[in-house]
PDB file of all heavy atoms in Angstrom:
ATOM      1  N   ILE A   1     122.419 144.768  -3.765  1.00  0.00           N
ATOM      2  CA  ILE A   1     122.323 143.556  -2.909  1.00  0.00           C
ATOM      3  C   ILE A   1     121.482 143.826  -1.637  1.00  0.00           C
ATOM      4  O   ILE A   1     120.639 143.061  -1.289  1.00  0.00           O
ATOM      5  CB  ILE A   1     123.729 143.023  -2.591  1.00  0.00           C
ATOM      6  CG1 ILE A   1     124.394 142.436  -3.830  1.00  0.00           C
ATOM      7  CG2 ILE A   1     123.677 141.973  -1.443  1.00  0.00           C
ATOM      8  CD1 ILE A   1     125.864 142.183  -3.743  1.00  0.00           C
ATOM      9  N   GLU A   2     121.714 144.961  -1.058  1.00  0.00           N
ATOM     10  CA  GLU A   2     120.977 145.292   0.150  1.00  0.00           C
ATOM     11  C   GLU A   2     119.469 145.486  -0.176  1.00  0.00           C
ATOM     12  O   GLU A   2     118.608 144.973   0.577  1.00  0.00           O
ATOM     13  CB  GLU A   2     121.488 146.570   0.794  1.00  0.00           C
ATOM     14  CG  GLU A   2     122.856 146.357   1.480  1.00  0.00           C
ATOM     15  CD  GLU A   2     123.324 147.604   2.209  1.00  0.00           C
ATOM     16  OE1 GLU A   2     122.504 148.234   2.869  1.00  0.00           O
ATOM     17  OE2 GLU A   2     124.495 147.906   2.109  1.00  0.00           O
ATOM     18  N   PHE A   3     119.119 146.212  -1.186  1.00  0.00           N
ATOM     19  CA  PHE A   3     117.741 146.341  -1.597  1.00  0.00           C
ATOM     20  C   PHE A   3     117.123 145.033  -2.011  1.00  0.00           C
ATOM     21  O   PHE A   3     115.946 144.806  -1.699  1.00  0.00           O
ATOM     22  CB  PHE A   3     117.526 147.382  -2.695  1.00  0.00           C
ATOM     23  CG  PHE A   3     117.526 148.856  -2.167  1.00  0.00           C
ATOM     24  CD1 PHE A   3     118.592 149.699  -2.297  1.00  0.00           C
ATOM     25  CD2 PHE A   3     116.432 149.247  -1.454  1.00  0.00           C
ATOM     26  CE1 PHE A   3     118.586 150.989  -1.875  1.00  0.00           C
ATOM     27  CE2 PHE A   3     116.390 150.547  -0.950  1.00  0.00           C
ATOM     28  CZ  PHE A   3     117.444 151.420  -1.110  1.00  0.00           C
ATOM     29  N   ALA A   4     117.840 144.141  -2.665  1.00  0.00           N
ATOM     30  CA  ALA A   4     117.352 142.871  -2.988  1.00  0.00           C
ATOM     31  C   ALA A   4     117.050 142.065  -1.740  1.00  0.00           C
ATOM     32  O   ALA A   4     116.035 141.337  -1.635  1.00  0.00           O
ATOM     33  CB  ALA A   4     118.273 142.122  -3.879  1.00  0.00           C
ATOM     34  N   ALA A   5     117.888 142.207  -0.744  1.00  0.00           N
ATOM     35  CA  ALA A   5     117.718 141.484   0.572  1.00  0.00           C
ATOM     36  C   ALA A   5     116.436 142.007   1.234  1.00  0.00           C
ATOM     37  O   ALA A   5     115.656 141.205   1.774  1.00  0.00           O
ATOM     38  CB  ALA A   5     118.885 141.646   1.460  1.00  0.00           C
ATOM     39  N   PHE A   6     116.261 143.296   1.244  1.00  0.00           N
ATOM     40  CA  PHE A   6     115.050 143.842   1.870  1.00  0.00           C
ATOM     41  C   PHE A   6     113.809 143.430   1.084  1.00  0.00           C
ATOM     42  O   PHE A   6     112.750 143.117   1.681  1.00  0.00           O
ATOM     43  CB  PHE A   6     115.121 145.408   1.909  1.00  0.00           C
ATOM     44  CG  PHE A   6     115.763 145.943   3.141  1.00  0.00           C
ATOM     45  CD1 PHE A   6     117.002 146.411   3.106  1.00  0.00           C
ATOM     46  CD2 PHE A   6     115.138 145.886   4.337  1.00  0.00           C
ATOM     47  CE1 PHE A   6     117.671 146.830   4.253  1.00  0.00           C
ATOM     48  CE2 PHE A   6     115.700 146.397   5.485  1.00  0.00           C
ATOM     49  CZ  PHE A   6     116.994 146.880   5.442  1.00  0.00           C
ATOM     50  N   SER A   7     113.924 143.319  -0.257  1.00  0.00           N
ATOM     51  CA  SER A   7     112.811 142.876  -1.052  1.00  0.00           C
ATOM     52  C   SER A   7     112.433 141.429  -0.663  1.00  0.00           C
ATOM     53  O   SER A   7     111.257 141.099  -0.533  1.00  0.00           O
ATOM     54  CB  SER A   7     113.156 142.978  -2.540  1.00  0.00           C
ATOM     55  OG  SER A   7     112.116 142.465  -3.373  1.00  0.00           O
ATOM     56  N   GLY A   8     113.452 140.612  -0.494  1.00  0.00           N
ATOM     57  CA  GLY A   8     113.208 139.215  -0.080  1.00  0.00           C
ATOM     58  C   GLY A   8     112.534 139.129   1.304  1.00  0.00           C
ATOM     59  O   GLY A   8     111.602 138.329   1.485  1.00  0.00           O
ATOM     60  N   LEU A   9     112.962 139.986   2.218  1.00  0.00           N
ATOM     61  CA  LEU A   9     112.403 140.005   3.522  1.00  0.00           C
ATOM     62  C   LEU A   9     110.977 140.433   3.476  1.00  0.00           C
ATOM     63  O   LEU A   9     110.023 139.795   4.091  1.00  0.00           O
ATOM     64  CB  LEU A   9     113.227 140.940   4.445  1.00  0.00           C
ATOM     65  CG  LEU A   9     112.619 141.215   5.844  1.00  0.00           C
ATOM     66  CD1 LEU A   9     112.631 139.926   6.618  1.00  0.00           C
ATOM     67  CD2 LEU A   9     113.400 142.327   6.559  1.00  0.00           C
ATOM     68  N   TYR A  10     110.687 141.456   2.669  1.00  0.00           N
ATOM     69  CA  TYR A  10     109.334 141.962   2.532  1.00  0.00           C
ATOM     70  C   TYR A  10     108.395 140.940   1.833  1.00  0.00           C
ATOM     71  O   TYR A  10     107.211 140.798   2.211  1.00  0.00           O
ATOM     72  CB  TYR A  10     109.305 143.303   1.729  1.00  0.00           C
ATOM     73  CG  TYR A  10     109.947 144.417   2.486  1.00  0.00           C
ATOM     74  CD1 TYR A  10     110.459 145.471   1.817  1.00  0.00           C
ATOM     75  CD2 TYR A  10     110.052 144.433   3.880  1.00  0.00           C
ATOM     76  CE1 TYR A  10     111.070 146.525   2.440  1.00  0.00           C
ATOM     77  CE2 TYR A  10     110.660 145.477   4.560  1.00  0.00           C
ATOM     78  CZ  TYR A  10     111.163 146.574   3.838  1.00  0.00           C
ATOM     79  OH  TYR A  10     111.756 147.624   4.501  1.00  0.00           O
ATOM     80  N   MET A  11     108.964 140.172   0.902  1.00  0.00           N
ATOM     81  CA  MET A  11     108.184 139.081   0.270  1.00  0.00           C
ATOM     82  C   MET A  11     107.821 138.025   1.268  1.00  0.00           C
ATOM     83  O   MET A  11     106.685 137.542   1.314  1.00  0.00           O
ATOM     84  CB  MET A  11     108.968 138.421  -0.896  1.00  0.00           C
ATOM     85  CG  MET A  11     109.015 139.357  -2.105  1.00  0.00           C
ATOM     86  SD  MET A  11     107.415 139.652  -2.836  1.00  0.00           S
ATOM     87  CE  MET A  11     106.902 138.042  -3.361  1.00  0.00           C
ATOM     88  N   LEU A  12     108.755 137.665   2.136  1.00  0.00           N
ATOM     89  CA  LEU A  12     108.485 136.725   3.181  1.00  0.00           C
ATOM     90  C   LEU A  12     107.404 137.170   4.119  1.00  0.00           C
ATOM     91  O   LEU A  12     106.439 136.436   4.440  1.00  0.00           O
ATOM     92  CB  LEU A  12     109.781 136.393   3.995  1.00  0.00           C
ATOM     93  CG  LEU A  12     109.645 135.423   5.134  1.00  0.00           C
ATOM     94  CD1 LEU A  12     109.266 134.066   4.685  1.00  0.00           C
ATOM     95  CD2 LEU A  12     110.922 135.407   5.916  1.00  0.00           C
ATOM     96  N   ILE A  13     107.477 138.439   4.503  1.00  0.00           N
ATOM     97  CA  ILE A  13     106.495 139.034   5.365  1.00  0.00           C
ATOM     98  C   ILE A  13     105.104 139.059   4.633  1.00  0.00           C
ATOM     99  O   ILE A  13     104.035 138.725   5.262  1.00  0.00           O
ATOM    100  CB  ILE A  13     106.870 140.435   5.858  1.00  0.00           C
ATOM    101  CG1 ILE A  13     108.082 140.370   6.774  1.00  0.00           C
ATOM    102  CG2 ILE A  13     105.714 141.098   6.563  1.00  0.00           C
ATOM    103  CD1 ILE A  13     108.725 141.673   7.076  1.00  0.00           C
ATOM    104  N   PHE A  14     105.130 139.356   3.371  1.00  0.00           N
ATOM    105  CA  PHE A  14     103.877 139.307   2.567  1.00  0.00           C
ATOM    106  C   PHE A  14     103.237 137.937   2.528  1.00  0.00           C
ATOM    107  O   PHE A  14     102.040 137.800   2.783  1.00  0.00           O
ATOM    108  CB  PHE A  14     104.125 139.786   1.132  1.00  0.00           C
ATOM    109  CG  PHE A  14     102.953 139.517   0.176  1.00  0.00           C
ATOM    110  CD1 PHE A  14     101.817 140.185   0.337  1.00  0.00           C
ATOM    111  CD2 PHE A  14     103.091 138.551  -0.722  1.00  0.00           C
ATOM    112  CE1 PHE A  14     100.698 139.911  -0.473  1.00  0.00           C
ATOM    113  CE2 PHE A  14     102.028 138.275  -1.615  1.00  0.00           C
ATOM    114  CZ  PHE A  14     100.841 138.964  -1.465  1.00  0.00           C
ATOM    115  N   PHE A  15     104.051 136.934   2.350  1.00  0.00           N
ATOM    116  CA  PHE A  15     103.529 135.572   2.350  1.00  0.00           C
ATOM    117  C   PHE A  15     102.974 135.127   3.696  1.00  0.00           C
ATOM    118  O   PHE A  15     101.972 134.357   3.774  1.00  0.00           O
ATOM    119  CB  PHE A  15     104.576 134.580   1.856  1.00  0.00           C
ATOM    120  CG  PHE A  15     104.802 134.633   0.345  1.00  0.00           C
ATOM    121  CD1 PHE A  15     106.166 134.767  -0.119  1.00  0.00           C
ATOM    122  CD2 PHE A  15     103.792 134.676  -0.568  1.00  0.00           C
ATOM    123  CE1 PHE A  15     106.393 134.877  -1.482  1.00  0.00           C
ATOM    124  CE2 PHE A  15     104.022 134.758  -1.925  1.00  0.00           C
ATOM    125  CZ  PHE A  15     105.322 134.834  -2.397  1.00  0.00           C
ATOM    126  N   LEU A  16     103.569 135.665   4.752  1.00  0.00           N
ATOM    127  CA  LEU A  16     103.099 135.345   6.080  1.00  0.00           C
ATOM    128  C   LEU A  16     101.792 136.105   6.507  1.00  0.00           C
ATOM    129  O   LEU A  16     100.980 135.545   7.252  1.00  0.00           O
ATOM    130  CB  LEU A  16     104.207 135.565   7.098  1.00  0.00           C
ATOM    131  CG  LEU A  16     105.432 134.683   7.017  1.00  0.00           C
ATOM    132  CD1 LEU A  16     106.519 135.137   7.993  1.00  0.00           C
ATOM    133  CD2 LEU A  16     105.045 133.194   7.282  1.00  0.00           C
ATOM    134  N   THR A  17     101.688 137.317   6.028  1.00  0.00           N
ATOM    135  CA  THR A  17     100.567 138.177   6.427  1.00  0.00           C
ATOM    136  C   THR A  17      99.513 138.390   5.359  1.00  0.00           C
ATOM    137  O   THR A  17      98.399 138.650   5.700  1.00  0.00           O
ATOM    138  CB  THR A  17     101.093 139.553   6.859  1.00  0.00           C
ATOM    139  OG1 THR A  17     101.614 140.236   5.715  1.00  0.00           O
ATOM    140  CG2 THR A  17     102.100 139.486   7.993  1.00  0.00           C
ATOM    141  N   GLY A  18      99.869 138.314   4.115  1.00  0.00           N
ATOM    142  CA  GLY A  18      98.937 138.583   2.994  1.00  0.00           C
ATOM    143  C   GLY A  18      98.605 140.063   2.803  1.00  0.00           C
ATOM    144  O   GLY A  18      97.781 140.385   2.014  1.00  0.00           O
ATOM    145  N   GLU A  19      99.376 140.892   3.505  1.00  0.00           N
ATOM    146  CA  GLU A  19      99.135 142.333   3.372  1.00  0.00           C
ATOM    147  C   GLU A  19      99.698 142.871   2.039  1.00  0.00           C
ATOM    148  O   GLU A  19     100.898 142.788   1.769  1.00  0.00           O
ATOM    149  CB  GLU A  19      99.821 143.113   4.519  1.00  0.00           C
ATOM    150  CG  GLU A  19      99.127 142.980   5.828  1.00  0.00           C
ATOM    151  CD  GLU A  19      97.754 143.649   5.903  1.00  0.00           C
ATOM    152  OE1 GLU A  19      97.620 144.705   5.227  1.00  0.00           O
ATOM    153  OE2 GLU A  19      96.867 143.100   6.574  1.00  0.00           O
ATOM    154  N   ILE A  20      98.829 143.445   1.182  1.00  0.00           N
ATOM    155  CA  ILE A  20      99.211 143.907  -0.115  1.00  0.00           C
ATOM    156  C   ILE A  20     100.245 145.062  -0.070  1.00  0.00           C
ATOM    157  O   ILE A  20     101.046 145.188  -0.968  1.00  0.00           O
ATOM    158  CB  ILE A  20      97.977 144.204  -0.964  1.00  0.00           C
ATOM    159  CG1 ILE A  20      98.316 144.291  -2.440  1.00  0.00           C
ATOM    160  CG2 ILE A  20      97.353 145.531  -0.518  1.00  0.00           C
ATOM    161  CD1 ILE A  20      98.528 143.000  -3.088  1.00  0.00           C
ATOM    162  N   THR A  21     100.154 145.880   0.975  1.00  0.00           N
ATOM    163  CA  THR A  21     101.087 146.954   1.049  1.00  0.00           C
ATOM    164  C   THR A  21     102.559 146.478   1.220  1.00  0.00           C
ATOM    165  O   THR A  21     103.425 147.110   0.714  1.00  0.00           O
ATOM    166  CB  THR A  21     100.789 147.931   2.259  1.00  0.00           C
ATOM    167  OG1 THR A  21     100.665 147.157   3.427  1.00  0.00           O
ATOM    168  CG2 THR A  21      99.433 148.616   2.000  1.00  0.00           C
ATOM    169  N   ILE A  22     102.645 145.340   1.837  1.00  0.00           N
ATOM    170  CA  ILE A  22     104.043 144.772   2.005  1.00  0.00           C
ATOM    171  C   ILE A  22     104.570 144.306   0.648  1.00  0.00           C
ATOM    172  O   ILE A  22     105.771 144.441   0.338  1.00  0.00           O
ATOM    173  CB  ILE A  22     104.030 143.547   2.965  1.00  0.00           C
ATOM    174  CG1 ILE A  22     103.411 143.992   4.347  1.00  0.00           C
ATOM    175  CG2 ILE A  22     105.431 142.972   3.195  1.00  0.00           C
ATOM    176  CD1 ILE A  22     104.210 144.989   5.106  1.00  0.00           C
ATOM    177  N   LEU A  23     103.642 143.770  -0.182  1.00  0.00           N
ATOM    178  CA  LEU A  23     104.059 143.402  -1.569  1.00  0.00           C
ATOM    179  C   LEU A  23     104.525 144.610  -2.320  1.00  0.00           C
ATOM    180  O   LEU A  23     105.496 144.528  -3.113  1.00  0.00           O
ATOM    181  CB  LEU A  23     102.800 142.748  -2.235  1.00  0.00           C
ATOM    182  CG  LEU A  23     103.123 142.234  -3.618  1.00  0.00           C
ATOM    183  CD1 LEU A  23     104.223 141.196  -3.639  1.00  0.00           C
ATOM    184  CD2 LEU A  23     101.796 141.651  -4.246  1.00  0.00           C
ATOM    185  N   GLY A  24     103.887 145.769  -2.122  1.00  0.00           N
ATOM    186  CA  GLY A  24     104.318 147.021  -2.776  1.00  0.00           C
ATOM    187  C   GLY A  24     105.747 147.400  -2.361  1.00  0.00           C
ATOM    188  O   GLY A  24     106.555 147.780  -3.214  1.00  0.00           O
ATOM    189  N   GLY A  25     106.036 147.257  -1.126  1.00  0.00           N
ATOM    190  CA  GLY A  25     107.388 147.530  -0.570  1.00  0.00           C
ATOM    191  C   GLY A  25     108.387 146.615  -1.241  1.00  0.00           C
ATOM    192  O   GLY A  25     109.512 147.041  -1.608  1.00  0.00           O
ATOM    193  N   ALA A  26     108.057 145.349  -1.371  1.00  0.00           N
ATOM    194  CA  ALA A  26     108.908 144.390  -2.033  1.00  0.00           C
ATOM    195  C   ALA A  26     109.166 144.797  -3.455  1.00  0.00           C
ATOM    196  O   ALA A  26     110.303 144.674  -3.983  1.00  0.00           O
ATOM    197  CB  ALA A  26     108.368 142.951  -1.846  1.00  0.00           C
ATOM    198  N   ALA A  27     108.119 145.177  -4.159  1.00  0.00           N
ATOM    199  CA  ALA A  27     108.253 145.476  -5.543  1.00  0.00           C
ATOM    200  C   ALA A  27     109.074 146.714  -5.803  1.00  0.00           C
ATOM    201  O   ALA A  27     109.973 146.763  -6.686  1.00  0.00           O
ATOM    202  CB  ALA A  27     106.831 145.776  -6.146  1.00  0.00           C
ATOM    203  N   PHE A  28     108.923 147.759  -4.941  1.00  0.00           N
ATOM    204  CA  PHE A  28     109.707 148.940  -5.118  1.00  0.00           C
ATOM    205  C   PHE A  28     111.151 148.748  -4.769  1.00  0.00           C
ATOM    206  O   PHE A  28     112.078 149.245  -5.393  1.00  0.00           O
ATOM    207  CB  PHE A  28     109.101 150.104  -4.302  1.00  0.00           C
ATOM    208  CG  PHE A  28     107.991 150.770  -4.985  1.00  0.00           C
ATOM    209  CD1 PHE A  28     106.688 150.564  -4.660  1.00  0.00           C
ATOM    210  CD2 PHE A  28     108.267 151.635  -6.070  1.00  0.00           C
ATOM    211  CE1 PHE A  28     105.655 151.155  -5.347  1.00  0.00           C
ATOM    212  CE2 PHE A  28     107.224 152.324  -6.766  1.00  0.00           C
ATOM    213  CZ  PHE A  28     105.888 152.019  -6.378  1.00  0.00           C
ATOM    214  N   CYS A  29     111.410 147.935  -3.693  1.00  0.00           N
ATOM    215  CA  CYS A  29     112.804 147.615  -3.329  1.00  0.00           C
ATOM    216  C   CYS A  29     113.461 146.775  -4.497  1.00  0.00           C
ATOM    217  O   CYS A  29     114.640 147.004  -4.770  1.00  0.00           O
ATOM    218  CB  CYS A  29     112.848 146.825  -2.060  1.00  0.00           C
ATOM    219  SG  CYS A  29     112.649 147.860  -0.566  1.00  0.00           S
ATOM    220  N   SER A  30     112.700 145.885  -5.127  1.00  0.00           N
ATOM    221  CA  SER A  30     113.253 145.168  -6.273  1.00  0.00           C
ATOM    222  C   SER A  30     113.552 146.091  -7.437  1.00  0.00           C
ATOM    223  O   SER A  30     114.610 145.948  -8.051  1.00  0.00           O
ATOM    224  CB  SER A  30     112.190 144.124  -6.756  1.00  0.00           C
ATOM    225  OG  SER A  30     112.077 143.110  -5.827  1.00  0.00           O
ATOM    226  N   ALA A  31     112.714 147.056  -7.647  1.00  0.00           N
ATOM    227  CA  ALA A  31     112.957 148.027  -8.726  1.00  0.00           C
ATOM    228  C   ALA A  31     114.209 148.792  -8.469  1.00  0.00           C
ATOM    229  O   ALA A  31     115.021 149.044  -9.423  1.00  0.00           O
ATOM    230  CB  ALA A  31     111.750 148.941  -8.909  1.00  0.00           C
ATOM    231  N   ILE A  32     114.404 149.264  -7.271  1.00  0.00           N
ATOM    232  CA  ILE A  32     115.622 149.985  -6.916  1.00  0.00           C
ATOM    233  C   ILE A  32     116.836 149.150  -7.047  1.00  0.00           C
ATOM    234  O   ILE A  32     117.876 149.511  -7.554  1.00  0.00           O
ATOM    235  CB  ILE A  32     115.530 150.610  -5.478  1.00  0.00           C
ATOM    236  CG1 ILE A  32     114.430 151.624  -5.432  1.00  0.00           C
ATOM    237  CG2 ILE A  32     116.828 151.160  -5.012  1.00  0.00           C
ATOM    238  CD1 ILE A  32     114.070 152.148  -4.057  1.00  0.00           C
ATOM    239  N   ALA A  33     116.730 147.857  -6.590  1.00  0.00           N
ATOM    240  CA  ALA A  33     117.857 146.917  -6.739  1.00  0.00           C
ATOM    241  C   ALA A  33     118.275 146.694  -8.136  1.00  0.00           C
ATOM    242  O   ALA A  33     119.450 146.735  -8.502  1.00  0.00           O
ATOM    243  CB  ALA A  33     117.490 145.575  -6.056  1.00  0.00           C
ATOM    244  N   ILE A  34     117.284 146.542  -9.014  1.00  0.00           N
ATOM    245  CA  ILE A  34     117.563 146.353 -10.449  1.00  0.00           C
ATOM    246  C   ILE A  34     118.225 147.589 -11.025  1.00  0.00           C
ATOM    247  O   ILE A  34     119.240 147.561 -11.806  1.00  0.00           O
ATOM    248  CB  ILE A  34     116.310 146.017 -11.228  1.00  0.00           C
ATOM    249  CG1 ILE A  34     115.864 144.554 -10.771  1.00  0.00           C
ATOM    250  CG2 ILE A  34     116.544 146.053 -12.780  1.00  0.00           C
ATOM    251  CD1 ILE A  34     114.475 144.202 -11.306  1.00  0.00           C
ATOM    252  N   ARG A  35     117.711 148.760 -10.729  1.00  0.00           N
ATOM    253  CA  ARG A  35     118.242 150.038 -11.188  1.00  0.00           C
ATOM    254  C   ARG A  35     119.706 150.216 -10.746  1.00  0.00           C
ATOM    255  O   ARG A  35     120.541 150.547 -11.516  1.00  0.00           O
ATOM    256  CB  ARG A  35     117.365 151.209 -10.731  1.00  0.00           C
ATOM    257  CG  ARG A  35     117.799 152.535 -11.291  1.00  0.00           C
ATOM    258  CD  ARG A  35     116.905 153.665 -10.981  1.00  0.00           C
ATOM    259  NE  ARG A  35     116.629 153.683  -9.521  1.00  0.00           N
ATOM    260  CZ  ARG A  35     115.579 154.276  -8.976  1.00  0.00           C
ATOM    261  NH1 ARG A  35     114.700 154.833  -9.701  1.00  0.00           N
ATOM    262  NH2 ARG A  35     115.461 154.291  -7.663  1.00  0.00           N
ATOM    263  N   HIS A  36     119.947 149.996  -9.437  1.00  0.00           N
ATOM    264  CA  HIS A  36     121.284 150.108  -8.942  1.00  0.00           C
ATOM    265  C   HIS A  36     122.274 149.120  -9.536  1.00  0.00           C
ATOM    266  O   HIS A  36     123.421 149.417  -9.827  1.00  0.00           O
ATOM    267  CB  HIS A  36     121.334 150.030  -7.430  1.00  0.00           C
ATOM    268  CG  HIS A  36     120.767 151.262  -6.786  1.00  0.00           C
ATOM    269  ND1 HIS A  36     120.989 151.563  -5.452  1.00  0.00           N
ATOM    270  CD2 HIS A  36     120.091 152.324  -7.239  1.00  0.00           C
ATOM    271  CE1 HIS A  36     120.408 152.731  -5.171  1.00  0.00           C
ATOM    272  NE2 HIS A  36     119.871 153.159  -6.276  1.00  0.00           N
ATOM    273  N   TRP A  37     121.719 147.870  -9.767  1.00  0.00           N
ATOM    274  CA  TRP A  37     122.568 146.837 -10.466  1.00  0.00           C
ATOM    275  C   TRP A  37     122.996 147.338 -11.853  1.00  0.00           C
ATOM    276  O   TRP A  37     124.134 147.246 -12.285  1.00  0.00           O
ATOM    277  CB  TRP A  37     121.867 145.502 -10.481  1.00  0.00           C
ATOM    278  CG  TRP A  37     122.752 144.461 -11.020  1.00  0.00           C
ATOM    279  CD1 TRP A  37     122.798 144.002 -12.312  1.00  0.00           C
ATOM    280  CD2 TRP A  37     123.702 143.698 -10.277  1.00  0.00           C
ATOM    281  NE1 TRP A  37     123.748 142.970 -12.404  1.00  0.00           N
ATOM    282  CE2 TRP A  37     124.283 142.761 -11.179  1.00  0.00           C
ATOM    283  CE3 TRP A  37     124.077 143.661  -8.949  1.00  0.00           C
ATOM    284  CZ2 TRP A  37     125.243 141.836 -10.727  1.00  0.00           C
ATOM    285  CZ3 TRP A  37     125.028 142.751  -8.574  1.00  0.00           C
ATOM    286  CH2 TRP A  37     125.597 141.888  -9.437  1.00  0.00           C
ATOM    287  N   LEU A  38     122.016 147.813 -12.593  1.00  0.00           N
ATOM    288  CA  LEU A  38     122.288 148.288 -13.921  1.00  0.00           C
ATOM    289  C   LEU A  38     123.238 149.522 -13.929  1.00  0.00           C
ATOM    290  O   LEU A  38     124.156 149.548 -14.781  1.00  0.00           O
ATOM    291  CB  LEU A  38     120.947 148.667 -14.655  1.00  0.00           C
ATOM    292  CG  LEU A  38     120.062 147.453 -14.962  1.00  0.00           C
ATOM    293  CD1 LEU A  38     118.706 147.967 -15.542  1.00  0.00           C
ATOM    294  CD2 LEU A  38     120.727 146.517 -15.921  1.00  0.00           C
ATOM    295  N   TRP A  39     123.032 150.390 -13.005  1.00  0.00           N
ATOM    296  CA  TRP A  39     123.936 151.569 -12.881  1.00  0.00           C
ATOM    297  C   TRP A  39     125.375 151.115 -12.576  1.00  0.00           C
ATOM    298  O   TRP A  39     126.341 151.647 -13.089  1.00  0.00           O
ATOM    299  CB  TRP A  39     123.487 152.558 -11.870  1.00  0.00           C
ATOM    300  CG  TRP A  39     122.340 153.361 -12.275  1.00  0.00           C
ATOM    301  CD1 TRP A  39     121.792 153.519 -13.500  1.00  0.00           C
ATOM    302  CD2 TRP A  39     121.498 154.187 -11.389  1.00  0.00           C
ATOM    303  NE1 TRP A  39     120.718 154.363 -13.481  1.00  0.00           N
ATOM    304  CE2 TRP A  39     120.536 154.801 -12.195  1.00  0.00           C
ATOM    305  CE3 TRP A  39     121.544 154.426 -10.047  1.00  0.00           C
ATOM    306  CZ2 TRP A  39     119.589 155.648 -11.717  1.00  0.00           C
ATOM    307  CZ3 TRP A  39     120.559 155.318  -9.551  1.00  0.00           C
ATOM    308  CH2 TRP A  39     119.595 155.886 -10.342  1.00  0.00           C
TER     309      TRP A  39
END
């Protein structure tokens, strides 16, 4: 849940700034969130 929240925050920042590196942070946080949910 925490990593999903950070992913959402990073997605919001990406939409506001358009910085592709922020999108990468959102993607990796999402991947960790999914992995932890499955575990």
